[in-house]
């Protein structure tokens, strides 16, 4: 699949993105990472904040590429899956990992507590920080008008 095929299947829509919108989303991701590293945060909350950062960073890339997922269209799943199209196939395994985290986050938010171990939360946080660096570099390289 490609983003063009997603567009044809109405899984995404074309948008006109502004530098300000990308900056706002980037700041949301930065805030989520900063919240995830606050001292005394439970493993569940570290995980949720790290997941929110990942999802938002994927959204940054998708919006910078000129697309958005319509509300109610498996938005979290599609935004995460889009990473392999925006940043490239080298992120396909991470997209699978992030989808697993998406399902875990759902359990945390709606079904249960103490779902993740501290190490799992820290791994997701480290991955979010790695993604943040990659997105920043990608924006500089591919979409300098958005930085």
N, C-alpha and C. Protein backbone atom coordinates (compact mmCIF):
# COMPACT_ATOMS: atom_id res chain seq x y z
N UNK A 1 0.84 -1.18 0.00
CA UNK A 1 0.00 0.00 0.00
C UNK A 1 0.88 1.25 0.00
N UNK A 2 0.28 2.33 -0.36
CA UNK A 2 0.94 3.64 -0.35
C UNK A 2 -0.06 4.66 0.19
N UNK A 3 0.44 5.85 0.48
CA UNK A 3 -0.47 6.92 0.90
C UNK A 3 -1.46 7.24 -0.22
N UNK A 4 -1.04 7.13 -1.47
CA UNK A 4 -1.95 7.37 -2.59
C UNK A 4 -3.10 6.36 -2.57
N UNK A 5 -2.78 5.10 -2.30
CA UNK A 5 -3.84 4.08 -2.22
C UNK A 5 -4.75 4.34 -1.03
N UNK A 6 -4.17 4.77 0.09
CA UNK A 6 -4.98 5.13 1.25
C UNK A 6 -5.93 6.26 0.90
N UNK A 7 -5.44 7.23 0.14
CA UNK A 7 -6.26 8.37 -0.28
C UNK A 7 -7.41 7.88 -1.16
N UNK A 8 -7.10 7.01 -2.10
CA UNK A 8 -8.12 6.45 -2.99
C UNK A 8 -9.16 5.63 -2.23
N UNK A 9 -8.74 4.98 -1.14
CA UNK A 9 -9.64 4.18 -0.31
C UNK A 9 -10.34 5.01 0.78
N UNK A 10 -10.07 6.32 0.79
CA UNK A 10 -10.65 7.26 1.76
C UNK A 10 -10.21 6.98 3.20
N UNK A 11 -9.05 6.36 3.37
CA UNK A 11 -8.51 6.15 4.71
C UNK A 11 -7.84 7.41 5.23
N UNK A 12 -7.43 8.27 4.29
CA UNK A 12 -6.85 9.57 4.62
C UNK A 12 -7.47 10.59 3.68
N UNK A 13 -7.24 11.86 4.00
CA UNK A 13 -7.68 12.94 3.12
C UNK A 13 -6.52 13.91 2.96
N UNK A 14 -6.50 14.62 1.85
CA UNK A 14 -5.46 15.63 1.64
C UNK A 14 -5.81 16.87 2.44
N UNK A 15 -4.78 17.50 2.98
CA UNK A 15 -4.96 18.73 3.74
C UNK A 15 -3.87 19.71 3.36
N UNK A 16 -4.12 20.94 3.65
CA UNK A 16 -3.09 21.97 3.55
C UNK A 16 -2.61 22.23 4.96
N UNK A 17 -1.36 21.94 5.20
CA UNK A 17 -0.79 22.05 6.54
C UNK A 17 0.05 23.31 6.65
N UNK A 18 -0.05 23.94 7.78
CA UNK A 18 0.75 25.15 8.01
C UNK A 18 1.94 24.83 8.90
N UNK A 19 2.93 25.68 8.81
CA UNK A 19 4.09 25.58 9.70
C UNK A 19 3.64 25.65 11.15
N UNK A 20 2.66 26.49 11.44
CA UNK A 20 2.16 26.65 12.81
C UNK A 20 1.51 25.36 13.31
N UNK A 21 0.75 24.69 12.46
CA UNK A 21 0.12 23.42 12.85
C UNK A 21 1.16 22.37 13.20
N UNK A 22 2.17 22.26 12.36
CA UNK A 22 3.26 21.30 12.63
C UNK A 22 3.97 21.67 13.92
N UNK A 23 4.21 22.95 14.14
CA UNK A 23 4.87 23.40 15.38
C UNK A 23 4.00 23.07 16.60
N UNK A 24 2.70 23.29 16.48
CA UNK A 24 1.80 22.99 17.61
C UNK A 24 1.82 21.50 17.93
N UNK A 25 1.71 20.66 16.92
CA UNK A 25 1.73 19.21 17.15
C UNK A 25 3.08 18.78 17.72
N UNK A 26 4.15 19.38 17.23
CA UNK A 26 5.48 19.05 17.74
C UNK A 26 5.59 19.40 19.22
N UNK A 27 5.03 20.54 19.61
CA UNK A 27 5.04 20.94 21.03
C UNK A 27 4.20 20.00 21.89
N UNK A 28 3.09 19.50 21.33
CA UNK A 28 2.28 18.51 22.07
C UNK A 28 3.12 17.27 22.34
N UNK A 29 3.83 16.79 21.33
CA UNK A 29 4.68 15.60 21.50
C UNK A 29 5.79 15.87 22.51
N UNK A 30 6.39 17.05 22.45
CA UNK A 30 7.43 17.42 23.42
C UNK A 30 6.87 17.43 24.84
N UNK A 31 5.66 17.97 25.00
CA UNK A 31 5.03 17.99 26.32
C UNK A 31 4.78 16.58 26.84
N UNK A 32 4.31 15.71 25.96
CA UNK A 32 4.03 14.32 26.37
C UNK A 32 5.31 13.61 26.81
N UNK A 33 6.40 13.84 26.11
CA UNK A 33 7.67 13.24 26.51
C UNK A 33 8.13 13.83 27.83
N UNK A 34 8.00 15.13 27.98
CA UNK A 34 8.39 15.77 29.25
C UNK A 34 7.54 15.24 30.41
N UNK A 35 6.26 15.05 30.18
CA UNK A 35 5.39 14.50 31.24
C UNK A 35 5.77 13.06 31.56
N UNK A 36 6.16 12.30 30.55
CA UNK A 36 6.51 10.89 30.76
C UNK A 36 7.74 10.73 31.64
N UNK A 37 8.62 11.73 31.66
CA UNK A 37 9.85 11.59 32.44
C UNK A 37 9.76 12.26 33.81
N UNK A 38 8.57 12.73 34.17
CA UNK A 38 8.40 13.33 35.49
C UNK A 38 8.66 12.29 36.59
N UNK A 39 9.36 12.69 37.60
CA UNK A 39 9.68 11.80 38.72
C UNK A 39 8.40 11.37 39.43
N UNK A 40 8.32 10.11 39.77
CA UNK A 40 7.19 9.59 40.52
C UNK A 40 6.01 9.13 39.68
N UNK A 41 6.13 9.22 38.37
CA UNK A 41 5.06 8.81 37.47
C UNK A 41 4.94 7.28 37.49
N UNK A 42 3.72 6.77 37.55
CA UNK A 42 3.51 5.32 37.49
C UNK A 42 3.94 4.80 36.12
N UNK A 43 4.25 3.51 36.05
CA UNK A 43 4.62 2.90 34.78
C UNK A 43 3.49 3.05 33.77
N UNK A 44 2.25 2.89 34.21
CA UNK A 44 1.11 3.05 33.32
C UNK A 44 1.08 4.45 32.71
N UNK A 45 1.28 5.47 33.53
CA UNK A 45 1.22 6.83 33.02
C UNK A 45 2.42 7.19 32.15
N UNK A 46 3.59 6.67 32.47
CA UNK A 46 4.75 6.86 31.59
C UNK A 46 4.42 6.29 30.22
N UNK A 47 3.85 5.10 30.22
CA UNK A 47 3.49 4.42 28.98
C UNK A 47 2.47 5.24 28.18
N UNK A 48 1.43 5.73 28.85
CA UNK A 48 0.39 6.50 28.17
C UNK A 48 0.96 7.79 27.58
N UNK A 49 1.77 8.49 28.35
CA UNK A 49 2.36 9.73 27.83
C UNK A 49 3.32 9.44 26.67
N UNK A 50 4.11 8.38 26.78
CA UNK A 50 5.03 8.02 25.69
C UNK A 50 4.25 7.63 24.44
N UNK A 51 3.17 6.87 24.63
CA UNK A 51 2.33 6.50 23.49
C UNK A 51 1.74 7.75 22.83
N UNK A 52 1.23 8.67 23.65
CA UNK A 52 0.65 9.90 23.10
C UNK A 52 1.69 10.68 22.30
N UNK A 53 2.92 10.68 22.77
CA UNK A 53 4.00 11.35 22.03
C UNK A 53 4.22 10.67 20.68
N UNK A 54 4.27 9.35 20.69
CA UNK A 54 4.48 8.60 19.44
C UNK A 54 3.36 8.88 18.46
N UNK A 55 2.13 8.78 18.91
CA UNK A 55 0.99 9.01 18.03
C UNK A 55 1.02 10.43 17.44
N UNK A 56 1.34 11.38 18.28
CA UNK A 56 1.39 12.77 17.82
C UNK A 56 2.53 12.98 16.84
N UNK A 57 3.68 12.37 17.09
CA UNK A 57 4.80 12.48 16.16
C UNK A 57 4.47 11.86 14.80
N UNK A 58 3.77 10.74 14.82
CA UNK A 58 3.33 10.14 13.55
C UNK A 58 2.38 11.08 12.83
N UNK A 59 1.55 11.76 13.60
CA UNK A 59 0.62 12.73 13.04
C UNK A 59 1.37 13.93 12.45
N UNK A 60 2.43 14.35 13.10
CA UNK A 60 3.27 15.44 12.57
C UNK A 60 3.74 15.08 11.17
N UNK A 61 4.28 13.88 11.03
CA UNK A 61 4.81 13.46 9.73
C UNK A 61 3.70 13.37 8.68
N UNK A 62 2.58 12.80 9.07
CA UNK A 62 1.47 12.65 8.12
C UNK A 62 0.95 14.02 7.68
N UNK A 63 0.80 14.94 8.62
CA UNK A 63 0.32 16.28 8.28
C UNK A 63 1.35 17.03 7.42
N UNK A 64 2.62 16.90 7.77
CA UNK A 64 3.66 17.57 6.97
C UNK A 64 3.66 17.04 5.54
N UNK A 65 3.30 15.77 5.38
CA UNK A 65 3.21 15.17 4.05
C UNK A 65 1.94 15.59 3.31
N UNK A 66 1.04 16.29 4.02
CA UNK A 66 -0.17 16.82 3.38
C UNK A 66 -1.40 15.95 3.53
N UNK A 67 -1.42 15.11 4.57
CA UNK A 67 -2.56 14.20 4.75
C UNK A 67 -3.01 14.18 6.21
N UNK A 68 -4.26 13.74 6.41
CA UNK A 68 -4.80 13.53 7.74
C UNK A 68 -5.76 12.35 7.68
N UNK A 69 -5.95 11.72 8.82
CA UNK A 69 -6.92 10.63 8.92
C UNK A 69 -8.24 11.23 9.40
N UNK A 70 -9.32 10.98 8.68
CA UNK A 70 -10.61 11.50 9.14
C UNK A 70 -10.98 10.92 10.50
N UNK A 71 -11.67 11.70 11.30
CA UNK A 71 -12.13 11.24 12.61
C UNK A 71 -13.00 9.99 12.43
N UNK A 72 -12.86 9.07 13.38
CA UNK A 72 -13.68 7.87 13.36
C UNK A 72 -13.25 6.82 12.37
N UNK A 73 -12.11 6.98 11.76
CA UNK A 73 -11.63 6.03 10.74
C UNK A 73 -10.42 5.25 11.27
N UNK A 74 -10.57 4.65 12.47
CA UNK A 74 -9.42 3.98 13.08
C UNK A 74 -8.24 4.93 13.13
N UNK A 75 -8.51 6.13 13.60
CA UNK A 75 -7.55 7.22 13.52
C UNK A 75 -6.20 6.88 14.12
N UNK A 76 -6.16 6.36 15.35
CA UNK A 76 -4.88 6.05 15.98
C UNK A 76 -4.12 5.01 15.16
N UNK A 77 -4.81 3.97 14.74
CA UNK A 77 -4.18 2.90 13.96
C UNK A 77 -3.61 3.44 12.65
N UNK A 78 -4.39 4.19 11.92
CA UNK A 78 -3.94 4.70 10.62
C UNK A 78 -2.78 5.69 10.77
N UNK A 79 -2.87 6.55 11.77
CA UNK A 79 -1.79 7.52 11.98
C UNK A 79 -0.49 6.78 12.25
N UNK A 80 -0.54 5.76 13.08
CA UNK A 80 0.67 4.99 13.40
C UNK A 80 1.16 4.23 12.17
N UNK A 81 0.26 3.57 11.46
CA UNK A 81 0.66 2.81 10.27
C UNK A 81 1.26 3.70 9.18
N UNK A 82 0.87 4.97 9.16
CA UNK A 82 1.36 5.88 8.13
C UNK A 82 2.86 6.13 8.25
N UNK A 83 3.43 5.83 9.41
CA UNK A 83 4.85 6.09 9.63
C UNK A 83 5.73 5.41 8.60
N UNK A 84 5.36 4.22 8.18
CA UNK A 84 6.17 3.49 7.19
C UNK A 84 6.12 4.15 5.82
N UNK A 85 5.10 4.98 5.57
CA UNK A 85 5.02 5.70 4.30
C UNK A 85 5.69 7.07 4.38
N UNK A 86 5.59 7.71 5.52
CA UNK A 86 6.18 9.05 5.64
C UNK A 86 7.68 8.97 5.87
N UNK A 87 8.11 8.24 6.89
CA UNK A 87 9.53 8.15 7.19
C UNK A 87 10.22 7.03 6.41
N UNK A 88 9.46 6.06 5.93
CA UNK A 88 10.03 5.01 5.11
C UNK A 88 9.90 3.62 5.71
N UNK A 89 10.17 2.63 4.86
CA UNK A 89 10.02 1.23 5.25
C UNK A 89 10.88 0.83 6.45
N UNK A 90 11.97 1.56 6.68
CA UNK A 90 12.82 1.23 7.83
C UNK A 90 12.07 1.41 9.14
N UNK A 91 10.92 2.07 9.12
CA UNK A 91 10.10 2.27 10.32
C UNK A 91 8.94 1.30 10.41
N UNK A 92 8.86 0.33 9.50
CA UNK A 92 7.74 -0.62 9.49
C UNK A 92 7.68 -1.44 10.78
N UNK A 93 8.83 -1.92 11.25
CA UNK A 93 8.82 -2.71 12.50
C UNK A 93 8.40 -1.86 13.69
N UNK A 94 8.84 -0.61 13.71
CA UNK A 94 8.43 0.28 14.79
C UNK A 94 6.93 0.54 14.73
N UNK A 95 6.39 0.66 13.54
CA UNK A 95 4.94 0.88 13.40
C UNK A 95 4.17 -0.31 13.97
N UNK A 96 4.67 -1.51 13.75
CA UNK A 96 4.04 -2.71 14.33
C UNK A 96 4.12 -2.65 15.85
N UNK A 97 5.28 -2.30 16.37
CA UNK A 97 5.46 -2.14 17.82
C UNK A 97 4.52 -1.07 18.37
N UNK A 98 4.42 0.05 17.69
CA UNK A 98 3.55 1.13 18.16
C UNK A 98 2.08 0.71 18.13
N UNK A 99 1.71 -0.12 17.16
CA UNK A 99 0.33 -0.62 17.12
C UNK A 99 0.06 -1.52 18.33
N UNK A 100 1.04 -2.34 18.67
CA UNK A 100 0.91 -3.16 19.89
C UNK A 100 0.74 -2.26 21.11
N UNK A 101 1.52 -1.20 21.16
CA UNK A 101 1.41 -0.24 22.27
C UNK A 101 0.06 0.46 22.27
N UNK A 102 -0.48 0.70 21.10
CA UNK A 102 -1.81 1.31 20.98
C UNK A 102 -2.86 0.43 21.67
N UNK A 103 -2.79 -0.86 21.41
CA UNK A 103 -3.74 -1.78 22.02
C UNK A 103 -3.54 -1.87 23.54
N UNK A 104 -2.29 -1.84 23.96
CA UNK A 104 -1.99 -1.85 25.40
C UNK A 104 -2.50 -0.59 26.05
N UNK A 105 -2.30 0.54 25.41
CA UNK A 105 -2.79 1.82 25.94
C UNK A 105 -4.31 1.80 26.09
N UNK A 106 -4.99 1.16 25.15
CA UNK A 106 -6.45 1.06 25.24
C UNK A 106 -6.85 0.32 26.52
N UNK A 107 -6.16 -0.77 26.81
CA UNK A 107 -6.43 -1.52 28.05
C UNK A 107 -6.20 -0.64 29.27
N UNK A 108 -5.12 0.12 29.24
CA UNK A 108 -4.80 1.01 30.37
C UNK A 108 -5.87 2.07 30.58
N UNK A 109 -6.35 2.62 29.49
CA UNK A 109 -7.28 3.73 29.58
C UNK A 109 -8.69 3.27 29.96
N UNK A 110 -9.08 2.08 29.54
CA UNK A 110 -10.48 1.71 29.65
C UNK A 110 -10.76 0.43 30.44
N UNK A 111 -9.76 -0.42 30.63
CA UNK A 111 -10.06 -1.73 31.19
C UNK A 111 -9.36 -2.06 32.51
N UNK A 112 -8.13 -1.58 32.71
CA UNK A 112 -7.35 -2.12 33.80
C UNK A 112 -6.25 -1.14 34.22
N UNK A 113 -5.60 -1.47 35.32
CA UNK A 113 -4.41 -0.75 35.76
C UNK A 113 -3.26 -1.74 35.90
N UNK A 114 -2.08 -1.21 36.08
CA UNK A 114 -0.88 -2.04 36.24
C UNK A 114 -0.74 -3.05 35.10
N UNK A 115 -0.94 -2.57 33.89
CA UNK A 115 -0.88 -3.43 32.71
C UNK A 115 0.55 -3.58 32.21
N UNK A 116 1.36 -2.54 32.38
CA UNK A 116 2.72 -2.57 31.85
C UNK A 116 3.75 -2.59 32.98
N UNK A 117 4.87 -3.14 32.67
CA UNK A 117 6.01 -3.12 33.59
C UNK A 117 6.79 -1.83 33.35
N UNK A 118 7.53 -1.40 34.34
CA UNK A 118 8.34 -0.18 34.23
C UNK A 118 9.24 -0.25 33.00
N UNK A 119 9.86 -1.41 32.77
CA UNK A 119 10.78 -1.56 31.63
C UNK A 119 10.05 -1.34 30.31
N UNK A 120 8.82 -1.83 30.20
CA UNK A 120 8.04 -1.62 28.97
C UNK A 120 7.76 -0.14 28.75
N UNK A 121 7.41 0.56 29.81
CA UNK A 121 7.14 1.99 29.72
C UNK A 121 8.40 2.75 29.33
N UNK A 122 9.52 2.39 29.93
CA UNK A 122 10.79 3.05 29.61
C UNK A 122 11.23 2.77 28.18
N UNK A 123 10.98 1.54 27.70
CA UNK A 123 11.31 1.20 26.32
C UNK A 123 10.50 2.04 25.34
N UNK A 124 9.20 2.20 25.63
CA UNK A 124 8.37 3.01 24.75
C UNK A 124 8.81 4.47 24.80
N UNK A 125 9.15 4.96 25.98
CA UNK A 125 9.64 6.33 26.11
C UNK A 125 10.92 6.53 25.30
N UNK A 126 11.84 5.60 25.39
CA UNK A 126 13.09 5.69 24.62
C UNK A 126 12.79 5.67 23.12
N UNK A 127 11.84 4.86 22.72
CA UNK A 127 11.47 4.80 21.32
C UNK A 127 10.81 6.11 20.87
N UNK A 128 10.00 6.70 21.74
CA UNK A 128 9.39 8.00 21.43
C UNK A 128 10.45 9.07 21.24
N UNK A 129 11.46 9.05 22.07
CA UNK A 129 12.55 10.03 21.95
C UNK A 129 13.34 9.82 20.66
N UNK A 130 13.55 8.56 20.30
CA UNK A 130 14.24 8.24 19.04
C UNK A 130 13.39 8.72 17.86
N UNK A 131 12.08 8.47 17.92
CA UNK A 131 11.18 8.92 16.86
C UNK A 131 11.16 10.44 16.76
N UNK A 132 11.18 11.09 17.90
CA UNK A 132 11.20 12.55 17.92
C UNK A 132 12.41 13.08 17.15
N UNK A 133 13.57 12.51 17.41
CA UNK A 133 14.80 12.92 16.68
C UNK A 133 14.67 12.64 15.20
N UNK A 134 14.14 11.48 14.86
CA UNK A 134 13.99 11.11 13.45
C UNK A 134 13.00 12.04 12.73
N UNK A 135 11.91 12.37 13.39
CA UNK A 135 10.92 13.28 12.80
C UNK A 135 11.53 14.66 12.59
N UNK A 136 12.25 15.15 13.58
CA UNK A 136 12.90 16.46 13.44
C UNK A 136 13.87 16.48 12.27
N UNK A 137 14.65 15.42 12.12
CA UNK A 137 15.60 15.32 11.00
C UNK A 137 14.85 15.22 9.69
N UNK A 138 13.81 14.40 9.65
CA UNK A 138 13.00 14.22 8.45
C UNK A 138 12.36 15.54 8.02
N UNK A 139 11.84 16.28 8.99
CA UNK A 139 11.26 17.59 8.66
C UNK A 139 12.31 18.52 8.06
N UNK A 140 13.49 18.54 8.66
CA UNK A 140 14.57 19.40 8.14
C UNK A 140 14.97 18.99 6.73
N UNK A 141 15.02 17.68 6.49
CA UNK A 141 15.47 17.18 5.19
C UNK A 141 14.39 17.27 4.12
N UNK A 142 13.18 16.87 4.44
CA UNK A 142 12.12 16.71 3.45
C UNK A 142 11.11 17.85 3.41
N UNK A 143 10.93 18.51 4.55
CA UNK A 143 9.93 19.58 4.64
C UNK A 143 10.48 20.78 5.41
N UNK A 144 11.58 21.37 4.91
CA UNK A 144 12.19 22.48 5.65
C UNK A 144 11.26 23.68 5.81
N UNK A 145 10.26 23.78 4.94
CA UNK A 145 9.29 24.86 5.07
C UNK A 145 8.37 24.68 6.28
N UNK A 146 8.42 23.51 6.91
CA UNK A 146 7.58 23.23 8.08
C UNK A 146 8.36 23.35 9.39
N UNK A 147 9.64 23.72 9.30
CA UNK A 147 10.43 23.83 10.53
C UNK A 147 10.76 25.29 10.83
